[in-house]
Amino acid sequence: MAHKFEIYKDKAGEYRVRFEYNSEVIFSTEGYSSKSGAQNAIDSIKKNGPSAPVQDNS
């Protein structure tokens, strides 16, 4: 699989989401106290990401 979301627990015991493309981490989220909070973040990215504007600050 070329890309995936991964939910994992960090050293502090919080759930985080990272997105990997070709085995490279593209981004990771803030920590969530519950696994369902991390899943909600994934759902929000999938729902709102495709229509998000691109801001070019160059």
N, C-alpha and C. Protein backbone atom coordinates (compact mmCIF):
# COMPACT_ATOMS: atom_id res chain seq x y z
N MET A 1 0.85 -1.17 0.00
CA MET A 1 0.00 0.00 0.00
C MET A 1 0.90 1.24 0.00
N ALA A 2 0.63 2.15 -0.89
CA ALA A 2 1.47 3.34 -1.04
C ALA A 2 1.18 4.40 0.03
N HIS A 3 -0.03 4.39 0.59
CA HIS A 3 -0.36 5.40 1.58
C HIS A 3 -1.31 4.82 2.62
N LYS A 4 -1.24 5.40 3.85
CA LYS A 4 -2.10 4.89 4.91
C LYS A 4 -2.14 5.87 6.08
N PHE A 5 -3.22 5.81 6.82
CA PHE A 5 -3.33 6.45 8.12
C PHE A 5 -2.97 5.40 9.16
N GLU A 6 -2.27 5.81 10.19
CA GLU A 6 -1.91 4.89 11.26
C GLU A 6 -2.24 5.54 12.61
N ILE A 7 -2.98 4.83 13.44
CA ILE A 7 -3.25 5.28 14.81
C ILE A 7 -2.26 4.56 15.71
N TYR A 8 -1.58 5.33 16.56
CA TYR A 8 -0.60 4.73 17.47
C TYR A 8 -0.62 5.47 18.80
N LYS A 9 -0.07 4.86 19.81
CA LYS A 9 0.05 5.46 21.14
C LYS A 9 1.45 6.01 21.30
N ASP A 10 1.55 7.27 21.75
CA ASP A 10 2.87 7.87 21.96
C ASP A 10 3.40 7.53 23.35
N LYS A 11 4.57 8.03 23.67
CA LYS A 11 5.20 7.72 24.96
C LYS A 11 4.40 8.23 26.15
N ALA A 12 3.61 9.28 25.93
CA ALA A 12 2.78 9.85 27.00
C ALA A 12 1.46 9.10 27.16
N GLY A 13 1.20 8.11 26.30
CA GLY A 13 -0.02 7.34 26.38
C GLY A 13 -1.18 7.93 25.60
N GLU A 14 -0.91 8.97 24.80
CA GLU A 14 -1.97 9.56 23.99
C GLU A 14 -2.00 8.90 22.62
N TYR A 15 -3.18 8.93 22.00
CA TYR A 15 -3.35 8.39 20.66
C TYR A 15 -3.04 9.48 19.65
N ARG A 16 -2.29 9.12 18.63
CA ARG A 16 -1.95 10.05 17.56
C ARG A 16 -2.20 9.37 16.22
N VAL A 17 -2.33 10.19 15.20
CA VAL A 17 -2.51 9.70 13.84
C VAL A 17 -1.35 10.21 13.01
N ARG A 18 -0.79 9.32 12.22
CA ARG A 18 0.18 9.78 11.23
C ARG A 18 -0.26 9.27 9.87
N PHE A 19 0.08 10.05 8.86
CA PHE A 19 -0.23 9.69 7.48
C PHE A 19 1.09 9.40 6.79
N GLU A 20 1.19 8.23 6.20
CA GLU A 20 2.41 7.83 5.50
C GLU A 20 2.13 7.66 4.02
N TYR A 21 3.07 8.10 3.22
CA TYR A 21 3.02 7.90 1.78
C TYR A 21 4.36 7.33 1.35
N ASN A 22 4.34 6.18 0.69
CA ASN A 22 5.57 5.47 0.31
C ASN A 22 6.52 5.33 1.49
N SER A 23 5.99 4.94 2.62
CA SER A 23 6.74 4.70 3.87
C SER A 23 7.36 5.96 4.48
N GLU A 24 6.98 7.14 4.00
CA GLU A 24 7.47 8.39 4.56
C GLU A 24 6.33 9.08 5.31
N VAL A 25 6.59 9.51 6.55
CA VAL A 25 5.56 10.21 7.32
C VAL A 25 5.39 11.61 6.74
N ILE A 26 4.17 11.91 6.31
CA ILE A 26 3.86 13.21 5.73
C ILE A 26 3.41 14.17 6.82
N PHE A 27 2.58 13.69 7.74
CA PHE A 27 2.18 14.50 8.89
C PHE A 27 1.72 13.61 10.03
N SER A 28 1.69 14.19 11.22
CA SER A 28 1.10 13.52 12.37
C SER A 28 0.27 14.55 13.13
N THR A 29 -0.68 14.05 13.88
CA THR A 29 -1.63 14.93 14.58
C THR A 29 -1.20 15.19 16.01
N GLU A 30 -1.96 16.04 16.65
CA GLU A 30 -1.83 16.24 18.10
C GLU A 30 -2.23 14.96 18.81
N GLY A 31 -2.01 14.89 20.09
CA GLY A 31 -2.40 13.73 20.87
C GLY A 31 -3.87 13.78 21.27
N TYR A 32 -4.51 12.64 21.28
CA TYR A 32 -5.91 12.50 21.70
C TYR A 32 -5.97 11.54 22.88
N SER A 33 -6.87 11.81 23.80
CA SER A 33 -6.97 10.96 24.99
C SER A 33 -7.64 9.62 24.71
N SER A 34 -8.39 9.55 23.60
CA SER A 34 -9.08 8.29 23.26
C SER A 34 -8.80 7.90 21.82
N LYS A 35 -8.91 6.63 21.57
CA LYS A 35 -8.73 6.12 20.21
C LYS A 35 -9.83 6.67 19.29
N SER A 36 -11.03 6.84 19.84
CA SER A 36 -12.12 7.37 19.02
C SER A 36 -11.83 8.82 18.60
N GLY A 37 -11.13 9.58 19.44
CA GLY A 37 -10.74 10.94 19.07
C GLY A 37 -9.79 10.92 17.88
N ALA A 38 -8.85 9.98 17.88
CA ALA A 38 -7.93 9.84 16.75
C ALA A 38 -8.68 9.42 15.49
N GLN A 39 -9.63 8.51 15.63
CA GLN A 39 -10.42 8.08 14.47
C GLN A 39 -11.25 9.24 13.93
N ASN A 40 -11.79 10.07 14.82
CA ASN A 40 -12.55 11.25 14.38
C ASN A 40 -11.66 12.19 13.57
N ALA A 41 -10.39 12.33 13.95
CA ALA A 41 -9.46 13.17 13.20
C ALA A 41 -9.29 12.62 11.78
N ILE A 42 -9.13 11.31 11.66
CA ILE A 42 -9.01 10.70 10.34
C ILE A 42 -10.26 10.97 9.51
N ASP A 43 -11.42 10.75 10.11
CA ASP A 43 -12.68 10.97 9.40
C ASP A 43 -12.81 12.42 8.93
N SER A 44 -12.40 13.36 9.78
CA SER A 44 -12.48 14.78 9.42
C SER A 44 -11.53 15.11 8.27
N ILE A 45 -10.33 14.57 8.31
CA ILE A 45 -9.36 14.82 7.23
C ILE A 45 -9.90 14.26 5.92
N LYS A 46 -10.44 13.05 5.95
CA LYS A 46 -10.99 12.45 4.74
C LYS A 46 -12.17 13.25 4.19
N LYS A 47 -13.01 13.75 5.08
CA LYS A 47 -14.20 14.49 4.67
C LYS A 47 -13.86 15.89 4.18
N ASN A 48 -13.03 16.61 4.92
CA ASN A 48 -12.79 18.02 4.63
C ASN A 48 -11.54 18.28 3.80
N GLY A 49 -10.62 17.36 3.77
CA GLY A 49 -9.36 17.55 3.06
C GLY A 49 -9.48 17.82 1.57
N PRO A 50 -10.30 17.05 0.85
CA PRO A 50 -10.37 17.24 -0.60
C PRO A 50 -10.82 18.66 -1.01
N SER A 51 -11.60 19.31 -0.20
CA SER A 51 -12.09 20.64 -0.58
C SER A 51 -11.34 21.78 0.10
N ALA A 52 -10.29 21.45 0.86
CA ALA A 52 -9.53 22.49 1.56
C ALA A 52 -8.74 23.33 0.56
N PRO A 53 -8.74 24.65 0.77
CA PRO A 53 -7.98 25.52 -0.13
C PRO A 53 -6.48 25.37 0.10
N VAL A 54 -5.71 25.72 -0.90
CA VAL A 54 -4.25 25.73 -0.79
C VAL A 54 -3.82 27.17 -0.59
N GLN A 55 -3.05 27.42 0.44
CA GLN A 55 -2.54 28.76 0.73
C GLN A 55 -1.06 28.78 0.41
N ASP A 56 -0.67 29.59 -0.57
CA ASP A 56 0.72 29.70 -1.00
C ASP A 56 1.30 30.98 -0.42
N ASN A 57 2.20 30.86 0.54
CA ASN A 57 2.78 32.02 1.19
C ASN A 57 4.18 32.36 0.66
N SER A 58 4.50 31.87 -0.53
CA SER A 58 5.84 32.13 -1.06
C SER A 58 5.95 33.51 -1.69
